[in-house]
Amino acid sequence: MFDVGRMTPRVVFAGVATVIALATTIPAPSAQDAAVEEFTAFAINTNRRPSGGPGAARPTTAMLTFRIERWSTDEERESLNAIMKEETNVNRMNDALLRALQRLPRVGWIRETQTLAWDLRYAQQSPLPEGGRRIVLGTDRPIGMWEARNQPRTIDYPFTILEFRLDKDNQGEGKMLADTRLIFNRDTNTLVLENYDISPVRLNQIRRRN
């Protein structure tokens, strides 16, 4: 999750899960502690869920605003990487990562229009070869009362990950995996994001506001 490189185009459908492989080999970007940036994006969610379950009232489209107040430090990234590499059981690894992520100081926030903001816990950026940059944001996701009480399968997918690419004018596109768990493939040294939904939420018309 936390030392990710370029997102590969490989998308594998496995039941209701989408698996997207992320390389873990490129150097970490330099932190810019004073950086404060705010973006808007038009989110398109093509997934459908049965009524009564978590996410049943999720809109098909929404305007998102996300604010980055600082970049994650090398120490924060390495503490998360250590858990990922040392814990061989997928469920225990995700539980430990979730607890560690929730203890980190926030790096910013994300919200839909007319909703309360949700804290972001991880923010990383890296330059793109053609100019511009790639940004990865991560956090735990909100767990509603229905989900906490009934413990459906979605409870095992506790993370939200956003990945987007910006050009030199800070405009671009990306995707958001709102119900995600993490799998570290030791054979290929890659991190796999397994999404509960069939498709990631598309982020279009990303614009920097400041």
Foldseek 3Di string as FASTA:
>chain_A
DQQFDDWDPDWDFDPFKIKTWTARPDDFDDWDQADKWKKKWKKADPFADDPPDPPNPPDRIFIKMKMFRIADDPVLSVVLVVLQVPDQDQQVSQVVSQVSQVPADFGIWMDTPPDDTDTWRHKTWDADPVAFIKIKTKHFADDDPRCVVPVDPLVSQGMKMWIWTAHNQRWTKTWIQRRWGWHQDPVNRIIMTMGSHRDTIIIHGMHIDD
